[in-house]
N, C-alpha and C. Protein backbone atom coordinates (compact mmCIF):
# COMPACT_ATOMS: atom_id res chain seq x y z
N MET A 1 0.83 -1.21 -0.25
CA MET A 1 0.19 0.01 -0.05
C MET A 1 0.89 1.10 0.21
N THR A 2 0.46 2.23 -0.66
CA THR A 2 1.04 3.69 -0.73
C THR A 2 0.83 4.38 0.43
N THR A 3 1.46 5.67 0.87
CA THR A 3 1.45 6.39 2.07
C THR A 3 0.23 7.24 1.66
N ALA A 4 -0.17 7.26 0.24
CA ALA A 4 -1.80 8.22 -0.31
C ALA A 4 -2.86 7.28 0.22
N THR A 5 -2.62 6.21 0.26
CA THR A 5 -4.09 5.23 0.39
C THR A 5 -4.04 5.53 2.02
N LEU A 6 -3.19 5.36 2.93
CA LEU A 6 -2.99 5.49 4.29
C LEU A 6 -3.52 6.91 4.74
N GLU A 7 -3.34 7.88 3.92
CA GLU A 7 -3.76 9.10 4.11
C GLU A 7 -4.93 9.23 4.08
N LEU A 8 -5.28 9.07 2.99
CA LEU A 8 -6.90 9.23 2.61
C LEU A 8 -7.39 8.35 3.59
N SER A 9 -7.24 7.20 4.24
CA SER A 9 -8.08 6.71 5.26
C SER A 9 -8.23 7.49 6.00
N ARG A 10 -6.79 8.48 6.71
CA ARG A 10 -6.98 8.99 7.76
C ARG A 10 -7.86 10.06 7.67
N ARG A 11 -7.81 10.86 6.22
CA ARG A 11 -8.61 12.14 6.09
C ARG A 11 -10.04 11.90 6.39
N ARG A 12 -10.26 10.54 5.94
CA ARG A 12 -12.08 10.41 6.31
C ARG A 12 -12.29 9.97 7.38
N GLY A 13 -11.56 9.53 8.26
CA GLY A 13 -11.71 9.63 9.92
C GLY A 13 -12.22 8.05 9.91
N LYS A 14 -11.79 6.97 9.09
CA LYS A 14 -12.47 5.76 9.59
C LYS A 14 -11.34 5.00 9.56
N GLN A 15 -11.39 3.91 10.33
CA GLN A 15 -10.81 2.68 10.92
C GLN A 15 -10.75 1.67 9.71
N ARG A 16 -9.35 1.71 9.33
CA ARG A 16 -9.21 0.33 8.24
C ARG A 16 -8.24 -0.25 8.53
N LEU A 17 -7.95 -1.47 8.05
CA LEU A 17 -6.76 -2.23 8.20
C LEU A 17 -6.38 -2.19 6.82
N TYR A 18 -4.55 -2.17 6.68
CA TYR A 18 -4.08 -2.11 5.74
C TYR A 18 -2.63 -3.09 5.99
N PRO A 19 -2.61 -3.79 4.53
CA PRO A 19 -1.53 -4.77 4.67
C PRO A 19 0.00 -4.03 4.73
N GLN A 20 0.99 -4.52 5.65
CA GLN A 20 2.12 -3.59 6.14
C GLN A 20 3.09 -4.85 5.59
N ALA A 21 2.72 -5.79 5.54
CA ALA A 21 3.95 -6.79 4.74
C ALA A 21 2.59 -8.45 4.88
N PRO A 22 3.14 -9.19 4.39
CA PRO A 22 2.85 -10.19 4.00
C PRO A 22 1.95 -11.15 5.35
N HIS A 23 0.74 -10.95 5.76
CA HIS A 23 -0.17 -11.39 6.78
C HIS A 23 0.34 -10.90 7.97
N GLN A 24 0.11 -9.28 7.78
CA GLN A 24 0.47 -8.15 8.78
C GLN A 24 -0.54 -7.19 8.50
N PHE A 25 -1.15 -6.66 9.48
CA PHE A 25 -1.79 -5.71 9.48
C PHE A 25 -1.78 -4.41 10.28
N VAL A 26 -1.88 -2.84 9.47
CA VAL A 26 -1.69 -1.90 10.80
C VAL A 26 -2.97 -1.29 10.65
N GLU A 27 -3.40 -0.85 11.69
CA GLU A 27 -4.84 -0.02 12.17
C GLU A 27 -4.68 1.63 11.71
N VAL A 28 -5.19 1.90 11.13
CA VAL A 28 -5.35 3.36 10.76
C VAL A 28 -6.67 3.97 11.42
N SER A 29 -6.35 4.79 12.27
CA SER A 29 -7.44 5.40 13.17
C SER A 29 -7.56 6.68 13.38
N CYS A 30 -8.79 7.37 13.63
CA CYS A 30 -8.89 8.62 14.22
C CYS A 30 -8.76 8.68 15.58
N PRO A 31 -7.71 9.73 16.27
CA PRO A 31 -7.24 9.85 17.49
C PRO A 31 -9.11 9.99 18.52
N CYS A 32 -10.39 10.53 18.09
CA CYS A 32 -11.17 10.82 19.00
C CYS A 32 -11.54 9.53 20.06
N GLN A 33 -11.09 8.30 19.70
CA GLN A 33 -11.52 7.25 20.53
C GLN A 33 -10.46 7.52 22.02
N LYS A 34 -9.15 7.48 21.21
CA LYS A 34 -8.26 7.44 22.22
C LYS A 34 -8.73 8.47 23.16
N ILE A 35 -8.86 10.15 22.58
CA ILE A 35 -9.22 11.36 23.64
C ILE A 35 -10.40 11.09 24.47
N ARG A 36 -11.44 10.68 24.20
CA ARG A 36 -12.49 10.21 24.90
C ARG A 36 -12.25 9.15 25.72
N ASP A 37 -11.74 8.35 25.53
CA ASP A 37 -11.01 7.38 26.91
C ASP A 37 -10.24 7.87 27.43
N SER A 38 -9.58 8.58 27.11
CA SER A 38 -8.39 9.16 28.19
C SER A 38 -9.11 10.96 29.03
N LEU A 39 -10.35 11.32 28.28
CA LEU A 39 -10.85 12.36 29.10
C LEU A 39 -12.05 11.35 30.41
N ALA A 40 -12.58 10.14 29.61
CA ALA A 40 -13.28 9.28 30.97
C ALA A 40 -12.48 8.48 31.67
N ARG A 41 -11.25 8.18 31.76
CA ARG A 41 -10.34 7.99 33.25
C ARG A 41 -9.85 9.25 33.53
N SER A 42 -10.13 10.71 33.32
CA SER A 42 -9.21 11.09 33.77
C SER A 42 -10.24 11.87 35.43
N GLY A 43 -11.20 11.20 35.61
CA GLY A 43 -11.83 11.17 37.29
C GLY A 43 -12.80 12.61 37.15
N TYR A 44 -12.83 13.48 36.16
CA TYR A 44 -13.47 14.63 36.10
C TYR A 44 -14.75 13.92 35.04
N SER A 45 -15.79 14.97 35.39
CA SER A 45 -16.94 15.11 34.47
C SER A 45 -16.87 15.24 32.88
N PHE A 46 -16.73 14.59 31.99
CA PHE A 46 -16.90 15.24 30.58
C PHE A 46 -18.02 14.79 29.81
N ASP A 47 -19.11 14.61 30.69
CA ASP A 47 -20.25 13.70 29.61
C ASP A 47 -21.07 14.66 28.56
N GLY A 48 -20.54 16.02 29.02
CA GLY A 48 -21.10 17.19 27.71
C GLY A 48 -20.10 17.35 26.82
N VAL A 49 -18.78 16.99 26.70
CA VAL A 49 -18.01 17.18 25.57
C VAL A 49 -17.95 15.85 24.75
N TYR A 50 -17.88 16.55 23.51
CA TYR A 50 -17.91 15.61 22.03
C TYR A 50 -16.81 15.30 21.33
N CYS A 51 -16.36 14.64 20.43
CA CYS A 51 -15.29 14.64 19.74
C CYS A 51 -15.29 14.11 18.54
N TRP A 52 -15.10 14.72 17.37
CA TRP A 52 -14.96 13.89 16.14
C TRP A 52 -14.16 14.50 15.23
N SER A 53 -14.03 13.87 14.02
CA SER A 53 -12.78 14.32 13.47
C SER A 53 -13.38 14.13 11.91
N ASP A 54 -12.98 14.97 11.11
CA ASP A 54 -12.94 14.83 9.52
C ASP A 54 -12.16 14.53 8.76
N GLY A 55 -10.99 14.04 9.61
CA GLY A 55 -9.98 13.39 8.73
C GLY A 55 -8.43 14.71 8.81
N GLU A 56 -8.79 15.90 8.75
CA GLU A 56 -7.92 16.85 9.04
C GLU A 56 -7.95 17.37 10.38
N THR A 57 -9.20 17.70 10.89
CA THR A 57 -9.30 18.25 12.34
C THR A 57 -9.83 18.11 12.80
N VAL A 58 -9.43 17.60 14.13
CA VAL A 58 -10.21 17.02 15.66
C VAL A 58 -10.90 18.23 16.06
N THR A 59 -12.56 17.86 16.48
CA THR A 59 -13.27 19.31 16.94
C THR A 59 -13.83 18.53 18.26
N LEU A 60 -13.14 19.72 19.37
CA LEU A 60 -14.16 19.23 20.57
C LEU A 60 -15.07 20.42 20.35
N SER A 61 -16.50 19.53 21.01
CA SER A 61 -17.71 20.75 21.53
C SER A 61 -18.28 20.08 22.67
N GLY A 62 -19.26 20.87 22.84
CA GLY A 62 -20.01 20.53 24.29
C GLY A 62 -19.84 21.97 25.38
N SER A 63 -20.12 21.65 25.92
CA SER A 63 -19.90 22.60 27.48
C SER A 63 -19.56 21.84 28.97
N VAL A 64 -19.03 22.85 29.82
CA VAL A 64 -18.14 22.20 30.60
C VAL A 64 -18.33 23.64 31.97
N SER A 65 -18.48 22.98 33.03
CA SER A 65 -18.82 23.97 34.17
C SER A 65 -17.39 25.05 34.52
N ARG A 66 -16.39 24.43 33.95
CA ARG A 66 -15.20 25.47 34.95
C ARG A 66 -14.05 25.35 33.37
N TYR A 67 -13.17 26.36 33.46
CA TYR A 67 -12.49 27.02 32.63
C TYR A 67 -11.47 25.80 32.95
N PHE A 68 -11.18 25.43 33.75
CA PHE A 68 -9.74 24.22 33.95
C PHE A 68 -10.11 22.92 33.27
N LEU A 69 -11.77 22.51 33.26
CA LEU A 69 -12.04 21.25 32.56
C LEU A 69 -11.84 21.58 31.02
N ALA A 70 -12.18 23.22 30.44
CA ALA A 70 -12.00 22.85 29.01
C ALA A 70 -10.89 22.81 28.50
N GLN A 71 -9.77 23.44 29.27
CA GLN A 71 -7.99 23.59 29.45
C GLN A 71 -7.50 21.95 29.38
N VAL A 72 -8.39 20.99 30.38
CA VAL A 72 -7.89 19.60 30.17
C VAL A 72 -8.41 18.73 28.94
N ALA A 73 -9.77 19.17 28.62
CA ALA A 73 -10.05 18.61 27.48
C ALA A 73 -9.21 18.96 25.98
N LEU A 74 -8.98 19.99 25.98
CA LEU A 74 -7.74 20.87 24.75
C LEU A 74 -6.54 20.07 24.82
N GLU A 75 -6.11 20.00 26.18
CA GLU A 75 -4.48 19.45 26.22
C GLU A 75 -4.64 17.83 25.80
N THR A 76 -5.89 17.35 26.15
CA THR A 76 -5.95 15.76 26.07
C THR A 76 -5.97 15.64 24.47
N ALA A 77 -6.56 15.93 23.86
CA ALA A 77 -6.83 16.43 22.53
C ALA A 77 -5.35 16.69 21.81
N ARG A 78 -4.70 18.06 22.38
CA ARG A 78 -3.50 18.38 21.84
C ARG A 78 -2.33 16.90 21.92
N LYS A 79 -2.44 16.22 23.05
CA LYS A 79 -1.66 14.75 23.28
C LYS A 79 -1.59 13.77 22.04
N TYR A 80 -3.15 13.46 21.81
CA TYR A 80 -3.75 12.36 20.81
C TYR A 80 -3.76 12.94 19.47
N ALA A 81 -3.67 14.30 19.17
CA ALA A 81 -4.01 14.43 17.82
C ALA A 81 -2.93 15.02 17.00
N THR A 82 -1.91 14.62 17.40
CA THR A 82 -0.79 15.04 16.71
C THR A 82 -0.46 14.75 14.72
N GLY A 83 -0.69 15.80 14.17
CA GLY A 83 -0.82 15.95 12.93
C GLY A 83 -2.15 16.56 12.51
N TYR A 84 -3.22 16.85 13.53
CA TYR A 84 -4.44 17.01 13.17
C TYR A 84 -4.44 18.64 13.71
N ARG A 85 -5.42 19.36 12.97
CA ARG A 85 -5.78 20.53 13.48
C ARG A 85 -6.90 20.47 14.47
N ILE A 86 -6.73 21.71 15.68
CA ILE A 86 -7.77 20.96 16.92
C ILE A 86 -8.86 22.35 16.50
N ALA A 87 -9.83 22.03 16.64
CA ALA A 87 -10.75 23.35 16.70
C ALA A 87 -11.41 23.08 18.26
N ASN A 88 -11.54 23.95 18.90
CA ASN A 88 -12.19 23.91 20.28
C ASN A 88 -13.19 24.58 20.46
N GLU A 89 -14.12 23.86 20.52
CA GLU A 89 -15.75 24.49 20.72
C GLU A 89 -16.48 24.30 21.91
N VAL A 90 -15.31 24.25 22.91
CA VAL A 90 -15.95 23.68 24.43
C VAL A 90 -16.24 24.90 24.71
N GLU A 91 -17.96 25.16 25.64
CA GLU A 91 -18.12 26.39 26.42
C GLU A 91 -17.93 26.24 27.83
N VAL A 92 -17.49 27.61 28.23
CA VAL A 92 -17.77 26.84 29.71
C VAL A 92 -18.96 27.82 30.33
N ILE A 93 -19.83 27.11 30.92
CA ILE A 93 -21.20 27.35 31.49
C ILE A 93 -20.84 27.00 33.14
N PRO A 94 -21.26 28.09 33.83
CA PRO A 94 -21.06 27.95 35.18
C PRO A 94 -22.26 27.13 35.88
N CYS A 95 -22.39 26.62 36.76
CA CYS A 95 -23.54 25.41 37.04
C CYS A 95 -24.21 26.19 37.83
N GLN A 96 -24.63 27.63 37.88
CA GLN A 96 -25.89 28.22 38.11
C GLN A 96 -26.37 28.45 36.87
N GLN A 97 -25.48 28.98 35.63
CA GLN A 97 -26.40 29.16 34.52
C GLN A 97 -26.88 27.96 34.11
N ARG A 98 -25.87 26.77 34.25
CA ARG A 98 -26.04 25.61 33.21
C ARG A 98 -27.74 25.29 33.78
N GLU A 99 -27.87 25.40 34.88
CA GLU A 99 -29.35 24.76 35.71
C GLU A 99 -30.25 25.61 35.06
N GLN A 100 -30.09 26.98 34.95
CA GLN A 100 -31.73 27.76 34.34
C GLN A 100 -31.50 27.44 32.77
N TRP A 101 -29.87 26.97 31.90
CA TRP A 101 -30.05 26.50 30.78
C TRP A 101 -30.72 25.34 30.43
N VAL A 102 -30.47 24.41 31.50
CA VAL A 102 -31.23 23.35 30.99
C VAL A 102 -32.84 23.42 31.56
N ALA A 103 -32.60 24.02 32.44
CA ALA A 103 -34.75 24.03 32.84
C ALA A 103 -35.25 24.49 32.10
């Protein structure tokens, strides 16, 4: 397989297996699953944060209650999304405003 084929798969954000050598396969995947898993293991609540990729850009969206949590999400994305642009669309909505917003 050529590098172009591997790159095309990454741009589309799909997981595919490509032969690296006879009877060996390499998985090409988007970093969003690693980001989601890392946020879930962090010990903080990131239930309102979503991550997806179009192949060139990893987008974080949703809302958190503190600026610190938005920074944790962004730094986690930076750690796993090397080679991708990162679009941070996470909003900080304090708890009091969040309760009014949800109700």
